[in-house]
């Protein structure tokens, strides 16, 4: 799902990649090592495991994609209550995402993902 989400706007890429990395770490050390050394996703996984860090570039990208999806919904969805619910969900997700540290050095001690 994480790979598919890279190409389809509106699907949360980061969450699926992190969930996959967590599950892989539980079931296959080999797959976990491969994911952590992956040229595209490795740094994201490393940052999350060492302080639940979300890079500024990822925050900006996610915020722009959420905004684009909201504009598309405004133009195509007839039921406004659906748009309001989606906007509230996106706002909550964005607030949480922007509350995460942007560098491993800024993360609080003990804030890493348990292995």
N, C-alpha and C. Protein backbone atom coordinates (compact mmCIF):
# COMPACT_ATOMS: atom_id res chain seq x y z
N UNK A 1 0.83 -1.20 0.00
CA UNK A 1 0.00 0.00 0.00
C UNK A 1 0.87 1.26 0.00
N UNK A 2 1.98 1.20 0.71
CA UNK A 2 2.86 2.37 0.75
C UNK A 2 3.40 2.74 -0.61
N UNK A 3 3.77 1.73 -1.41
CA UNK A 3 4.27 1.99 -2.76
C UNK A 3 3.15 2.56 -3.63
N UNK A 4 1.96 1.99 -3.54
CA UNK A 4 0.81 2.48 -4.31
C UNK A 4 0.51 3.92 -3.91
N UNK A 5 0.61 4.22 -2.62
CA UNK A 5 0.29 5.56 -2.12
C UNK A 5 1.24 6.63 -2.65
N UNK A 6 2.45 6.24 -3.04
CA UNK A 6 3.39 7.20 -3.61
C UNK A 6 2.82 7.80 -4.89
N UNK A 7 2.05 7.00 -5.63
CA UNK A 7 1.56 7.43 -6.93
C UNK A 7 0.11 7.91 -6.95
N UNK A 8 -0.62 7.71 -5.86
CA UNK A 8 -2.03 8.11 -5.83
C UNK A 8 -2.22 9.19 -4.77
N UNK A 9 -2.55 10.41 -5.20
CA UNK A 9 -2.77 11.49 -4.23
C UNK A 9 -3.93 11.15 -3.29
N UNK A 10 -3.77 11.54 -2.04
CA UNK A 10 -4.83 11.34 -1.07
C UNK A 10 -4.64 10.13 -0.19
N UNK A 11 -3.78 9.19 -0.60
CA UNK A 11 -3.51 8.02 0.23
C UNK A 11 -2.26 8.33 1.05
N UNK A 12 -2.31 8.15 2.36
CA UNK A 12 -1.18 8.52 3.22
C UNK A 12 0.02 7.59 3.08
N UNK A 13 1.02 8.00 2.36
CA UNK A 13 2.20 7.19 2.09
C UNK A 13 2.98 6.89 3.36
N UNK A 14 3.30 7.91 4.12
CA UNK A 14 4.16 7.76 5.29
C UNK A 14 3.63 6.73 6.27
N UNK A 15 2.36 6.80 6.57
CA UNK A 15 1.79 5.88 7.55
C UNK A 15 1.91 4.43 7.09
N UNK A 16 1.64 4.18 5.81
CA UNK A 16 1.73 2.80 5.30
C UNK A 16 3.17 2.30 5.29
N UNK A 17 4.10 3.16 4.96
CA UNK A 17 5.52 2.76 4.95
C UNK A 17 5.96 2.44 6.37
N UNK A 18 5.62 3.29 7.34
CA UNK A 18 6.03 3.06 8.72
C UNK A 18 5.37 1.80 9.29
N UNK A 19 4.10 1.58 8.97
CA UNK A 19 3.42 0.37 9.42
C UNK A 19 4.07 -0.86 8.82
N UNK A 20 4.42 -0.80 7.54
CA UNK A 20 5.09 -1.92 6.88
C UNK A 20 6.44 -2.20 7.53
N UNK A 21 7.18 -1.14 7.82
CA UNK A 21 8.49 -1.32 8.45
C UNK A 21 8.35 -1.95 9.83
N UNK A 22 7.36 -1.52 10.59
CA UNK A 22 7.14 -2.10 11.91
C UNK A 22 6.79 -3.58 11.80
N UNK A 23 5.85 -3.92 10.92
CA UNK A 23 5.44 -5.30 10.75
C UNK A 23 6.60 -6.16 10.23
N UNK A 24 7.38 -5.62 9.32
CA UNK A 24 8.53 -6.36 8.78
C UNK A 24 9.54 -6.64 9.88
N UNK A 25 9.73 -5.68 10.76
CA UNK A 25 10.67 -5.86 11.86
C UNK A 25 10.25 -6.97 12.80
N UNK A 26 8.97 -7.20 12.91
CA UNK A 26 8.46 -8.26 13.77
C UNK A 26 8.57 -9.63 13.11
N UNK A 27 8.46 -9.66 11.78
CA UNK A 27 8.39 -10.95 11.10
C UNK A 27 9.63 -11.35 10.32
N UNK A 28 10.41 -10.38 9.85
CA UNK A 28 11.54 -10.71 8.98
C UNK A 28 12.68 -9.71 9.18
N UNK A 29 13.70 -10.08 9.93
CA UNK A 29 14.85 -9.18 10.10
C UNK A 29 15.49 -8.80 8.77
N UNK A 30 15.47 -9.74 7.81
CA UNK A 30 16.05 -9.46 6.49
C UNK A 30 15.27 -8.35 5.77
N UNK A 31 13.94 -8.45 5.78
CA UNK A 31 13.10 -7.43 5.16
C UNK A 31 13.24 -6.10 5.89
N UNK A 32 13.36 -6.15 7.20
CA UNK A 32 13.55 -4.93 7.98
C UNK A 32 14.85 -4.23 7.56
N UNK A 33 15.94 -4.98 7.44
CA UNK A 33 17.22 -4.39 7.01
C UNK A 33 17.10 -3.79 5.62
N UNK A 34 16.39 -4.49 4.72
CA UNK A 34 16.21 -3.98 3.36
C UNK A 34 15.44 -2.66 3.38
N UNK A 35 14.35 -2.60 4.14
CA UNK A 35 13.56 -1.37 4.22
C UNK A 35 14.38 -0.22 4.81
N UNK A 36 15.15 -0.51 5.85
CA UNK A 36 15.94 0.55 6.49
C UNK A 36 17.08 1.05 5.61
N UNK A 37 17.50 0.25 4.64
CA UNK A 37 18.56 0.69 3.73
C UNK A 37 18.00 1.13 2.38
N UNK A 38 16.69 1.15 2.24
CA UNK A 38 16.06 1.53 0.98
C UNK A 38 16.39 3.00 0.66
N UNK A 39 16.75 3.31 -0.59
CA UNK A 39 17.15 4.68 -0.93
C UNK A 39 16.02 5.71 -0.78
N UNK A 40 14.78 5.30 -0.94
CA UNK A 40 13.67 6.26 -0.83
C UNK A 40 13.07 6.29 0.57
N UNK A 41 12.83 5.13 1.16
CA UNK A 41 12.10 5.05 2.42
C UNK A 41 12.98 4.86 3.64
N UNK A 42 14.24 4.49 3.46
CA UNK A 42 15.12 4.19 4.59
C UNK A 42 15.28 5.31 5.59
N UNK A 43 15.51 6.52 5.10
CA UNK A 43 15.72 7.65 6.02
C UNK A 43 14.44 7.95 6.82
N UNK A 44 13.29 7.86 6.16
CA UNK A 44 12.02 8.10 6.83
C UNK A 44 11.82 7.09 7.97
N UNK A 45 12.12 5.84 7.70
CA UNK A 45 11.96 4.78 8.70
C UNK A 45 12.95 4.99 9.85
N UNK A 46 14.19 5.30 9.50
CA UNK A 46 15.21 5.56 10.53
C UNK A 46 14.80 6.73 11.42
N UNK A 47 14.35 7.83 10.80
CA UNK A 47 13.95 9.00 11.57
C UNK A 47 12.79 8.68 12.52
N UNK A 48 11.83 7.89 12.05
CA UNK A 48 10.67 7.56 12.89
C UNK A 48 11.11 6.68 14.07
N UNK A 49 11.97 5.73 13.80
CA UNK A 49 12.42 4.82 14.86
C UNK A 49 13.31 5.51 15.88
N UNK A 50 13.93 6.59 15.51
CA UNK A 50 14.83 7.29 16.42
C UNK A 50 14.28 8.66 16.80
N UNK A 51 13.08 8.67 17.31
CA UNK A 51 12.53 9.92 17.83
C UNK A 51 11.21 10.32 17.23
N UNK A 52 10.58 9.43 16.45
CA UNK A 52 9.29 9.75 15.82
C UNK A 52 9.35 11.08 15.07
N UNK A 53 10.39 11.21 14.26
CA UNK A 53 10.68 12.42 13.51
C UNK A 53 10.01 12.37 12.14
N UNK A 54 9.42 13.51 11.73
CA UNK A 54 8.86 13.66 10.39
C UNK A 54 9.56 14.87 9.77
N UNK A 55 10.28 14.66 8.68
CA UNK A 55 11.05 15.72 8.03
C UNK A 55 10.14 16.84 7.53
N UNK A 56 10.66 18.04 7.51
CA UNK A 56 9.90 19.21 7.05
C UNK A 56 9.40 19.01 5.62
N UNK A 57 10.24 18.44 4.77
CA UNK A 57 9.84 18.22 3.37
C UNK A 57 8.61 17.32 3.30
N UNK A 58 8.58 16.28 4.14
CA UNK A 58 7.42 15.37 4.16
C UNK A 58 6.18 16.10 4.69
N UNK A 59 6.38 16.96 5.68
CA UNK A 59 5.25 17.72 6.22
C UNK A 59 4.66 18.66 5.17
N UNK A 60 5.53 19.35 4.46
CA UNK A 60 5.07 20.27 3.42
C UNK A 60 4.37 19.51 2.31
N UNK A 61 4.98 18.40 1.87
CA UNK A 61 4.39 17.60 0.81
C UNK A 61 3.01 17.08 1.22
N UNK A 62 2.91 16.54 2.43
CA UNK A 62 1.62 16.02 2.90
C UNK A 62 0.58 17.13 3.01
N UNK A 63 0.99 18.28 3.50
CA UNK A 63 0.06 19.41 3.64
C UNK A 63 -0.44 19.89 2.28
N UNK A 64 0.46 19.96 1.30
CA UNK A 64 0.06 20.37 -0.04
C UNK A 64 -0.89 19.35 -0.67
N UNK A 65 -0.61 18.06 -0.48
CA UNK A 65 -1.47 17.03 -1.06
C UNK A 65 -2.85 17.03 -0.40
N UNK A 66 -2.89 17.25 0.92
CA UNK A 66 -4.19 17.34 1.59
C UNK A 66 -4.97 18.53 1.07
N UNK A 67 -4.28 19.64 0.87
CA UNK A 67 -4.95 20.84 0.34
C UNK A 67 -5.47 20.60 -1.07
N UNK A 68 -4.67 19.95 -1.90
CA UNK A 68 -5.10 19.63 -3.26
C UNK A 68 -6.33 18.71 -3.24
N UNK A 69 -6.30 17.71 -2.38
CA UNK A 69 -7.45 16.80 -2.28
C UNK A 69 -8.69 17.54 -1.81
N UNK A 70 -8.53 18.47 -0.90
CA UNK A 70 -9.67 19.25 -0.42
C UNK A 70 -10.25 20.11 -1.55
N UNK A 71 -9.40 20.73 -2.34
CA UNK A 71 -9.87 21.53 -3.48
C UNK A 71 -10.62 20.64 -4.48
N UNK A 72 -10.07 19.47 -4.76
CA UNK A 72 -10.75 18.54 -5.68
C UNK A 72 -12.11 18.15 -5.13
N UNK A 73 -12.17 17.89 -3.83
CA UNK A 73 -13.45 17.55 -3.21
C UNK A 73 -14.44 18.71 -3.31
N UNK A 74 -13.97 19.93 -3.11
CA UNK A 74 -14.85 21.09 -3.21
C UNK A 74 -15.46 21.21 -4.60
N UNK A 75 -14.70 20.82 -5.60
CA UNK A 75 -15.15 20.92 -6.99
C UNK A 75 -16.00 19.74 -7.44
N UNK A 76 -15.90 18.61 -6.76
CA UNK A 76 -16.55 17.40 -7.27
C UNK A 76 -17.58 16.77 -6.34
N UNK A 77 -17.51 17.00 -5.06
CA UNK A 77 -18.42 16.33 -4.12
C UNK A 77 -19.63 17.22 -3.87
N UNK A 78 -20.80 16.67 -4.00
CA UNK A 78 -22.03 17.44 -3.84
C UNK A 78 -22.43 17.62 -2.37
N UNK A 79 -22.19 16.62 -1.56
CA UNK A 79 -22.59 16.67 -0.16
C UNK A 79 -21.53 17.40 0.67
N UNK A 80 -21.85 18.57 1.13
CA UNK A 80 -20.88 19.40 1.86
C UNK A 80 -20.47 18.78 3.19
N UNK A 81 -21.34 17.98 3.81
CA UNK A 81 -20.98 17.37 5.08
C UNK A 81 -19.81 16.41 4.92
N UNK A 82 -19.68 15.79 3.76
CA UNK A 82 -18.54 14.90 3.50
C UNK A 82 -17.26 15.72 3.44
N UNK A 83 -17.34 16.87 2.81
CA UNK A 83 -16.17 17.74 2.70
C UNK A 83 -15.77 18.25 4.08
N UNK A 84 -16.75 18.61 4.90
CA UNK A 84 -16.46 19.10 6.25
C UNK A 84 -15.76 18.01 7.07
N UNK A 85 -16.28 16.78 7.01
CA UNK A 85 -15.65 15.68 7.74
C UNK A 85 -14.23 15.43 7.25
N UNK A 86 -14.04 15.43 5.94
CA UNK A 86 -12.71 15.22 5.37
C UNK A 86 -11.76 16.34 5.80
N UNK A 87 -12.25 17.57 5.76
CA UNK A 87 -11.41 18.72 6.15
C UNK A 87 -11.02 18.64 7.62
N UNK A 88 -11.95 18.22 8.47
CA UNK A 88 -11.64 18.06 9.89
C UNK A 88 -10.60 16.96 10.11
N UNK A 89 -10.75 15.85 9.39
CA UNK A 89 -9.77 14.77 9.49
C UNK A 89 -8.39 15.20 9.00
N UNK A 90 -8.37 15.92 7.89
CA UNK A 90 -7.10 16.40 7.36
C UNK A 90 -6.46 17.40 8.31
N UNK A 91 -7.27 18.27 8.89
CA UNK A 91 -6.74 19.26 9.84
C UNK A 91 -6.16 18.57 11.07
N UNK A 92 -6.86 17.56 11.58
CA UNK A 92 -6.34 16.83 12.74
C UNK A 92 -5.03 16.12 12.39
N UNK A 93 -4.99 15.48 11.23
CA UNK A 93 -3.76 14.81 10.80
C UNK A 93 -2.61 15.79 10.60
N UNK A 94 -2.90 16.94 10.03
CA UNK A 94 -1.86 17.95 9.80
C UNK A 94 -1.35 18.51 11.13
N UNK A 95 -2.26 18.75 12.06
CA UNK A 95 -1.82 19.28 13.37
C UNK A 95 -0.91 18.27 14.07
N UNK A 96 -1.29 17.01 14.04
CA UNK A 96 -0.45 15.98 14.66
C UNK A 96 0.91 15.93 13.96
N UNK A 97 0.88 15.90 12.63
CA UNK A 97 2.12 15.79 11.85
C UNK A 97 3.05 16.97 12.13
N UNK A 98 2.50 18.18 12.15
CA UNK A 98 3.34 19.35 12.38
C UNK A 98 3.81 19.45 13.83
N UNK A 99 3.23 18.67 14.73
CA UNK A 99 3.69 18.67 16.13
C UNK A 99 4.90 17.76 16.32
N UNK A 100 5.21 16.92 15.33
CA UNK A 100 6.35 16.01 15.41
C UNK A 100 7.65 16.78 15.19
N UNK A 101 8.74 16.37 15.85
CA UNK A 101 10.03 17.03 15.61
C UNK A 101 10.48 16.80 14.16
N UNK A 102 11.35 17.70 13.67
CA UNK A 102 11.81 17.62 12.28
C UNK A 102 13.20 17.03 12.15
N UNK A 103 13.90 16.95 13.26
CA UNK A 103 15.25 16.38 13.24
C UNK A 103 15.39 15.43 14.41
N UNK A 104 16.21 14.39 14.24
CA UNK A 104 16.43 13.42 15.31
C UNK A 104 17.00 14.13 16.54
N UNK A 105 17.83 15.14 16.32
CA UNK A 105 18.45 15.87 17.43
C UNK A 105 17.41 16.59 18.28
N UNK A 106 16.26 16.95 17.68
CA UNK A 106 15.22 17.68 18.40
C UNK A 106 14.25 16.76 19.14
N UNK A 107 14.33 15.47 18.88
CA UNK A 107 13.40 14.51 19.49
C UNK A 107 13.71 14.38 20.98
N UNK A 108 12.66 14.14 21.76
CA UNK A 108 12.82 13.93 23.19
C UNK A 108 13.43 12.56 23.44
N UNK A 109 14.28 12.42 24.46
CA UNK A 109 14.81 11.10 24.79
C UNK A 109 13.69 10.13 25.14
N UNK A 110 13.84 8.90 24.69
CA UNK A 110 12.85 7.88 24.98
C UNK A 110 11.63 7.95 24.10
N UNK A 111 11.66 8.82 23.06
CA UNK A 111 10.51 9.00 22.19
C UNK A 111 10.58 8.11 20.95
N UNK A 112 11.56 7.22 20.90
CA UNK A 112 11.70 6.35 19.74
C UNK A 112 10.74 5.19 19.76
N UNK A 113 10.66 4.51 18.63
CA UNK A 113 9.74 3.37 18.50
C UNK A 113 10.37 2.16 19.18
N UNK A 114 9.59 1.47 19.98
CA UNK A 114 10.07 0.26 20.63
C UNK A 114 10.25 -0.85 19.60
N UNK A 115 11.35 -1.58 19.70
CA UNK A 115 11.62 -2.68 18.76
C UNK A 115 11.13 -3.99 19.27
